[in-house]
Every structure is written in structure tokens, then in C-alpha cells.
């Protein structure tokens, strides 16, 4: 399988993460691996009001979205 180049600039422009200084901004694959290894999800899966709390837990994700589907 051919390797695909990272769309760093495009990813960075769309990244909603408010954590500074995050060295993973724009590097979605690294961000996802980091958060998943901690039992979390990345900022881009949360609405802004929850993302700002830095509670990226699966529990918080389910609590927020359980009645929205």
C-alpha cells in the first residue's frame, strides 16, 4: 500500500484543540494514537464547550452523545 503524505497544514487549520502547547496539532495520526493509548478521544470529536474542559474520556463522549443520535 502506498504511503499517503500528511495534510499537516490542512489538519492544523481545522484542529479544534485548545491545549497549548500541543505538539500533536495537525498530526492527526499521532494525536489519535496518543489519546487512544490513554483511553481518550481527540478534541475533534467533542463540541467546543466540552473540548475546553480537557475531559476527553470515553465516558464524557458517551454522556454527551447518547441522546443526540
PDB file of N, CA and C in Angstrom:
ATOM      1  N   UNK A   1       0.839  -1.178   0.000  1.00  0.00           N
ATOM      2  CA  UNK A   1       0.000   0.000   0.000  1.00  0.00           C
ATOM      3  C   UNK A   1       0.886   1.243   0.000  1.00  0.00           C
ATOM      4  N   UNK A   2       0.566   2.195  -0.851  1.00  0.00           N
ATOM      5  CA  UNK A   2       1.359   3.419  -0.959  1.00  0.00           C
ATOM      6  C   UNK A   2       1.123   4.312   0.251  1.00  0.00           C
ATOM      7  N   UNK A   3       2.194   4.925   0.703  1.00  0.00           N
ATOM      8  CA  UNK A   3       2.097   5.835   1.840  1.00  0.00           C
ATOM      9  C   UNK A   3       1.510   7.163   1.378  1.00  0.00           C
ATOM     10  N   UNK A   4       0.596   7.707   2.178  1.00  0.00           N
ATOM     11  CA  UNK A   4      -0.034   8.979   1.833  1.00  0.00           C
ATOM     12  C   UNK A   4       0.616  10.086   2.650  1.00  0.00           C
ATOM     13  N   UNK A   5       0.888  11.202   2.030  1.00  0.00           N
ATOM     14  CA  UNK A   5       1.510  12.305   2.775  1.00  0.00           C
ATOM     15  C   UNK A   5       0.530  12.915   3.781  1.00  0.00           C
ATOM     16  N   UNK A   6       1.054  13.360   4.895  1.00  0.00           N
ATOM     17  CA  UNK A   6       0.237  14.018   5.910  1.00  0.00           C
ATOM     18  C   UNK A   6      -0.219  15.382   5.383  1.00  0.00           C
ATOM     19  N   UNK A   7      -1.429  15.716   5.628  1.00  0.00           N
ATOM     20  CA  UNK A   7      -2.008  17.001   5.224  1.00  0.00           C
ATOM     21  C   UNK A   7      -1.876  17.980   6.400  1.00  0.00           C
ATOM     22  N   UNK A   8      -0.673  18.152   6.893  1.00  0.00           N
ATOM     23  CA  UNK A   8      -0.421  18.900   8.114  1.00  0.00           C
ATOM     24  C   UNK A   8      -1.069  20.283   8.141  1.00  0.00           C
ATOM     25  N   UNK A   9      -0.836  21.098   7.155  1.00  0.00           N
ATOM     26  CA  UNK A   9      -1.377  22.462   7.146  1.00  0.00           C
ATOM     27  C   UNK A   9      -2.903  22.455   7.145  1.00  0.00           C
ATOM     28  N   UNK A  10      -3.477  21.586   6.355  1.00  0.00           N
ATOM     29  CA  UNK A  10      -4.934  21.467   6.307  1.00  0.00           C
ATOM     30  C   UNK A  10      -5.487  20.979   7.652  1.00  0.00           C
ATOM     31  N   UNK A  11      -4.836  19.975   8.230  1.00  0.00           N
ATOM     32  CA  UNK A  11      -5.252  19.455   9.531  1.00  0.00           C
ATOM     33  C   UNK A  11      -5.137  20.525  10.610  1.00  0.00           C
ATOM     34  N   UNK A  12      -4.048  21.248  10.604  1.00  0.00           N
ATOM     35  CA  UNK A  12      -3.805  22.283  11.603  1.00  0.00           C
ATOM     36  C   UNK A  12      -4.879  23.364  11.547  1.00  0.00           C
ATOM     37  N   UNK A  13      -5.277  23.739  10.352  1.00  0.00           N
ATOM     38  CA  UNK A  13      -6.300  24.774  10.177  1.00  0.00           C
ATOM     39  C   UNK A  13      -7.655  24.335  10.732  1.00  0.00           C
ATOM     40  N   UNK A  14      -7.905  23.028  10.750  1.00  0.00           N
ATOM     41  CA  UNK A  14      -9.199  22.519  11.216  1.00  0.00           C
ATOM     42  C   UNK A  14      -9.158  21.968  12.638  1.00  0.00           C
ATOM     43  N   UNK A  15      -8.002  21.954  13.269  1.00  0.00           N
ATOM     44  CA  UNK A  15      -7.867  21.343  14.592  1.00  0.00           C
ATOM     45  C   UNK A  15      -8.497  22.228  15.665  1.00  0.00           C
ATOM     46  N   UNK A  16      -9.491  21.697  16.402  1.00  0.00           N
ATOM     47  CA  UNK A  16     -10.155  22.492  17.435  1.00  0.00           C
ATOM     48  C   UNK A  16      -9.501  22.406  18.811  1.00  0.00           C
ATOM     49  N   UNK A  17      -8.375  21.739  18.928  1.00  0.00           N
ATOM     50  CA  UNK A  17      -7.722  21.557  20.219  1.00  0.00           C
ATOM     51  C   UNK A  17      -7.285  22.901  20.792  1.00  0.00           C
ATOM     52  N   UNK A  18      -7.672  23.157  22.038  1.00  0.00           N
ATOM     53  CA  UNK A  18      -7.302  24.414  22.697  1.00  0.00           C
ATOM     54  C   UNK A  18      -6.126  24.243  23.651  1.00  0.00           C
ATOM     55  N   UNK A  19      -5.596  23.032  23.753  1.00  0.00           N
ATOM     56  CA  UNK A  19      -4.467  22.798  24.651  1.00  0.00           C
ATOM     57  C   UNK A  19      -3.195  23.376  24.043  1.00  0.00           C
ATOM     58  N   UNK A  20      -2.555  24.256  24.798  1.00  0.00           N
ATOM     59  CA  UNK A  20      -1.275  24.827  24.379  1.00  0.00           C
ATOM     60  C   UNK A  20      -0.242  24.475  25.433  1.00  0.00           C
ATOM     61  N   UNK A  21       0.884  24.033  25.110  1.00  0.00           N
ATOM     62  CA  UNK A  21       1.399  23.783  23.766  1.00  0.00           C
ATOM     63  C   UNK A  21       1.245  22.303  23.396  1.00  0.00           C
ATOM     64  N   UNK A  22       0.449  22.018  22.412  1.00  0.00           N
ATOM     65  CA  UNK A  22       0.260  20.639  21.963  1.00  0.00           C
ATOM     66  C   UNK A  22       1.124  20.391  20.734  1.00  0.00           C
ATOM     67  N   UNK A  23       2.070  19.496  20.868  1.00  0.00           N
ATOM     68  CA  UNK A  23       2.972  19.199  19.751  1.00  0.00           C
ATOM     69  C   UNK A  23       2.340  18.266  18.722  1.00  0.00           C
ATOM     70  N   UNK A  24       1.106  17.827  18.969  1.00  0.00           N
ATOM     71  CA  UNK A  24       0.434  16.913  18.040  1.00  0.00           C
ATOM     72  C   UNK A  24      -0.571  17.616  17.126  1.00  0.00           C
ATOM     73  N   UNK A  25      -0.769  18.910  17.320  1.00  0.00           N
ATOM     74  CA  UNK A  25      -1.730  19.633  16.471  1.00  0.00           C
ATOM     75  C   UNK A  25      -1.348  19.489  15.004  1.00  0.00           C
ATOM     76  N   UNK A  26      -2.325  19.133  14.208  1.00  0.00           N
ATOM     77  CA  UNK A  26      -2.089  18.944  12.780  1.00  0.00           C
ATOM     78  C   UNK A  26      -1.549  17.576  12.417  1.00  0.00           C
ATOM     79  N   UNK A  27      -1.187  16.805  13.402  1.00  0.00           N
ATOM     80  CA  UNK A  27      -0.666  15.453  13.183  1.00  0.00           C
ATOM     81  C   UNK A  27      -1.693  14.465  13.724  1.00  0.00           C
ATOM     82  N   UNK A  28      -2.782  14.333  13.003  1.00  0.00           N
ATOM     83  CA  UNK A  28      -3.945  13.578  13.473  1.00  0.00           C
ATOM     84  C   UNK A  28      -3.620  12.154  13.883  1.00  0.00           C
ATOM     85  N   UNK A  29      -2.786  11.467  13.130  1.00  0.00           N
ATOM     86  CA  UNK A  29      -2.480  10.077  13.476  1.00  0.00           C
ATOM     87  C   UNK A  29      -1.759  10.009  14.818  1.00  0.00           C
ATOM     88  N   UNK A  30      -0.848  10.926  15.090  1.00  0.00           N
ATOM     89  CA  UNK A  30      -0.151  10.946  16.375  1.00  0.00           C
ATOM     90  C   UNK A  30      -1.109  11.307  17.510  1.00  0.00           C
ATOM     91  N   UNK A  31      -1.975  12.268  17.266  1.00  0.00           N
ATOM     92  CA  UNK A  31      -2.965  12.692  18.249  1.00  0.00           C
ATOM     93  C   UNK A  31      -3.888  11.531  18.615  1.00  0.00           C
ATOM     94  N   UNK A  32      -4.398  10.873  17.619  1.00  0.00           N
ATOM     95  CA  UNK A  32      -5.311   9.754  17.850  1.00  0.00           C
ATOM     96  C   UNK A  32      -4.627   8.634  18.630  1.00  0.00           C
ATOM     97  N   UNK A  33      -3.419   8.273  18.242  1.00  0.00           N
ATOM     98  CA  UNK A  33      -2.691   7.230  18.954  1.00  0.00           C
ATOM     99  C   UNK A  33      -2.425   7.632  20.401  1.00  0.00           C
ATOM    100  N   UNK A  34      -2.050   8.877  20.630  1.00  0.00           N
ATOM    101  CA  UNK A  34      -1.780   9.364  21.981  1.00  0.00           C
ATOM    102  C   UNK A  34      -3.035   9.269  22.853  1.00  0.00           C
ATOM    103  N   UNK A  35      -4.124   9.846  22.399  1.00  0.00           N
ATOM    104  CA  UNK A  35      -5.335   9.842  23.207  1.00  0.00           C
ATOM    105  C   UNK A  35      -5.905   8.439  23.392  1.00  0.00           C
ATOM    106  N   UNK A  36      -5.898   7.630  22.355  1.00  0.00           N
ATOM    107  CA  UNK A  36      -6.445   6.281  22.474  1.00  0.00           C
ATOM    108  C   UNK A  36      -5.637   5.455  23.473  1.00  0.00           C
ATOM    109  N   UNK A  37      -4.336   5.661  23.516  1.00  0.00           N
ATOM    110  CA  UNK A  37      -3.493   4.918  24.467  1.00  0.00           C
ATOM    111  C   UNK A  37      -3.825   5.295  25.910  1.00  0.00           C
ATOM    112  N   UNK A  38      -4.474   6.435  26.103  1.00  0.00           N
ATOM    113  CA  UNK A  38      -4.865   6.909  27.435  1.00  0.00           C
ATOM    114  C   UNK A  38      -6.359   6.681  27.708  1.00  0.00           C
ATOM    115  N   UNK A  39      -7.036   5.979  26.805  1.00  0.00           N
ATOM    116  CA  UNK A  39      -8.466   5.735  26.963  1.00  0.00           C
ATOM    117  C   UNK A  39      -9.294   6.976  26.684  1.00  0.00           C
ATOM    118  N   UNK A  40      -8.795   7.825  25.829  1.00  0.00           N
ATOM    119  CA  UNK A  40      -9.447   9.088  25.490  1.00  0.00           C
ATOM    120  C   UNK A  40      -9.707   9.171  23.995  1.00  0.00           C
ATOM    121  N   UNK A  41     -10.404  10.227  23.614  1.00  0.00           N
ATOM    122  CA  UNK A  41     -10.628  10.552  22.211  1.00  0.00           C
ATOM    123  C   UNK A  41     -10.055  11.942  21.951  1.00  0.00           C
ATOM    124  N   UNK A  42      -9.716  12.265  20.704  1.00  0.00           N
ATOM    125  CA  UNK A  42      -9.139  13.575  20.409  1.00  0.00           C
ATOM    126  C   UNK A  42     -10.177  14.701  20.456  1.00  0.00           C
ATOM    127  N   UNK A  43      -9.695  15.911  20.561  1.00  0.00           N
ATOM    128  CA  UNK A  43     -10.539  17.107  20.675  1.00  0.00           C
ATOM    129  C   UNK A  43     -11.551  17.234  19.546  1.00  0.00           C
ATOM    130  N   UNK A  44     -11.191  16.809  18.363  1.00  0.00           N
ATOM    131  CA  UNK A  44     -12.060  16.996  17.200  1.00  0.00           C
ATOM    132  C   UNK A  44     -13.378  16.211  17.290  1.00  0.00           C
ATOM    133  N   UNK A  45     -13.500  15.325  18.260  1.00  0.00           N
ATOM    134  CA  UNK A  45     -14.732  14.558  18.416  1.00  0.00           C
ATOM    135  C   UNK A  45     -15.670  15.142  19.460  1.00  0.00           C
ATOM    136  N   UNK A  46     -15.300  16.274  20.028  1.00  0.00           N
ATOM    137  CA  UNK A  46     -16.111  16.916  21.063  1.00  0.00           C
ATOM    138  C   UNK A  46     -16.549  18.312  20.617  1.00  0.00           C
ATOM    139  N   UNK A  47     -17.713  18.756  21.101  1.00  0.00           N
ATOM    140  CA  UNK A  47     -18.118  20.132  20.834  1.00  0.00           C
ATOM    141  C   UNK A  47     -17.220  21.081  21.643  1.00  0.00           C
ATOM    142  N   UNK A  48     -17.103  22.331  21.229  1.00  0.00           N
ATOM    143  CA  UNK A  48     -16.186  23.266  21.886  1.00  0.00           C
ATOM    144  C   UNK A  48     -16.359  23.392  23.399  1.00  0.00           C
ATOM    145  N   UNK A  49     -17.581  23.401  23.884  1.00  0.00           N
ATOM    146  CA  UNK A  49     -17.793  23.580  25.320  1.00  0.00           C
ATOM    147  C   UNK A  49     -17.255  22.418  26.156  1.00  0.00           C
ATOM    148  N   UNK A  50     -17.198  21.240  25.580  1.00  0.00           N
ATOM    149  CA  UNK A  50     -16.622  20.089  26.292  1.00  0.00           C
ATOM    150  C   UNK A  50     -15.128  20.007  26.027  1.00  0.00           C
ATOM    151  N   UNK A  51     -14.712  20.285  24.814  1.00  0.00           N
ATOM    152  CA  UNK A  51     -13.285  20.239  24.482  1.00  0.00           C
ATOM    153  C   UNK A  51     -12.498  21.135  25.424  1.00  0.00           C
ATOM    154  N   UNK A  52     -13.029  22.308  25.741  1.00  0.00           N
ATOM    155  CA  UNK A  52     -12.327  23.262  26.614  1.00  0.00           C
ATOM    156  C   UNK A  52     -12.123  22.749  28.038  1.00  0.00           C
ATOM    157  N   UNK A  53     -12.870  21.723  28.434  1.00  0.00           N
ATOM    158  CA  UNK A  53     -12.701  21.165  29.780  1.00  0.00           C
ATOM    159  C   UNK A  53     -11.542  20.180  29.839  1.00  0.00           C
ATOM    160  N   UNK A  54     -11.056  19.756  28.696  1.00  0.00           N
ATOM    161  CA  UNK A  54      -9.991  18.754  28.555  1.00  0.00           C
ATOM    162  C   UNK A  54     -10.411  17.380  29.066  1.00  0.00           C
ATOM    163  N   UNK A  55     -11.705  17.186  29.289  1.00  0.00           N
ATOM    164  CA  UNK A  55     -12.201  15.849  29.641  1.00  0.00           C
ATOM    165  C   UNK A  55     -12.473  15.132  28.336  1.00  0.00           C
ATOM    166  N   UNK A  56     -11.513  14.371  27.877  1.00  0.00           N
ATOM    167  CA  UNK A  56     -11.607  13.681  26.594  1.00  0.00           C
ATOM    168  C   UNK A  56     -11.920  12.199  26.784  1.00  0.00           C
ATOM    169  N   UNK A  57     -12.471  11.870  27.914  1.00  0.00           N
ATOM    170  CA  UNK A  57     -12.742  10.471  28.242  1.00  0.00           C
ATOM    171  C   UNK A  57     -13.871   9.894  27.385  1.00  0.00           C
ATOM    172  N   UNK A  58     -13.839   8.579  27.244  1.00  0.00           N
ATOM    173  CA  UNK A  58     -14.915   7.885  26.538  1.00  0.00           C
ATOM    174  C   UNK A  58     -16.234   8.091  27.273  1.00  0.00           C
ATOM    175  N   UNK A  59     -16.170   8.095  28.608  1.00  0.00           N
ATOM    176  CA  UNK A  59     -17.368   8.297  29.409  1.00  0.00           C
ATOM    177  C   UNK A  59     -18.018   9.637  29.071  1.00  0.00           C
ATOM    178  N   UNK A  60     -17.227  10.693  28.989  1.00  0.00           N
ATOM    179  CA  UNK A  60     -17.770  12.020  28.679  1.00  0.00           C
ATOM    180  C   UNK A  60     -18.338  12.063  27.263  1.00  0.00           C
ATOM    181  N   UNK A  61     -17.673  11.414  26.331  1.00  0.00           N
ATOM    182  CA  UNK A  61     -18.137  11.336  24.949  1.00  0.00           C
ATOM    183  C   UNK A  61     -19.516  10.676  24.888  1.00  0.00           C
ATOM    184  N   UNK A  62     -19.651   9.547  25.573  1.00  0.00           N
ATOM    185  CA  UNK A  62     -20.919   8.809  25.576  1.00  0.00           C
ATOM    186  C   UNK A  62     -22.005   9.612  26.278  1.00  0.00           C
ATOM    187  N   UNK A  63     -21.667  10.227  27.404  1.00  0.00           N
ATOM    188  CA  UNK A  63     -22.649  11.056  28.122  1.00  0.00           C
ATOM    189  C   UNK A  63     -23.210  12.160  27.226  1.00  0.00           C
ATOM    190  N   UNK A  64     -22.338  12.802  26.483  1.00  0.00           N
ATOM    191  CA  UNK A  64     -22.777  13.904  25.639  1.00  0.00           C
ATOM    192  C   UNK A  64     -23.617  13.431  24.453  1.00  0.00           C
ATOM    193  N   UNK A  65     -23.162  12.378  23.788  1.00  0.00           N
ATOM    194  CA  UNK A  65     -23.802  11.971  22.533  1.00  0.00           C
ATOM    195  C   UNK A  65     -24.919  10.932  22.680  1.00  0.00           C
ATOM    196  N   UNK A  66     -25.114  10.351  23.855  1.00  0.00           N
ATOM    197  CA  UNK A  66     -26.080   9.248  23.983  1.00  0.00           C
ATOM    198  C   UNK A  66     -27.492   9.629  23.573  1.00  0.00           C
ATOM    199  N   UNK A  67     -27.916  10.850  23.818  1.00  0.00           N
ATOM    200  CA  UNK A  67     -29.272  11.268  23.471  1.00  0.00           C
ATOM    201  C   UNK A  67     -29.329  12.078  22.173  1.00  0.00           C
ATOM    202  N   UNK A  68     -28.209  12.209  21.499  1.00  0.00           N
ATOM    203  CA  UNK A  68     -28.152  13.028  20.294  1.00  0.00           C
ATOM    204  C   UNK A  68     -28.207  12.211  18.999  1.00  0.00           C
ATOM    205  N   UNK A  69     -28.196  10.924  19.130  1.00  0.00           N
ATOM    206  CA  UNK A  69     -28.189  10.067  17.931  1.00  0.00           C
ATOM    207  C   UNK A  69     -29.598   9.709  17.541  1.00  0.00           C
TER     208      UNK A  69
END
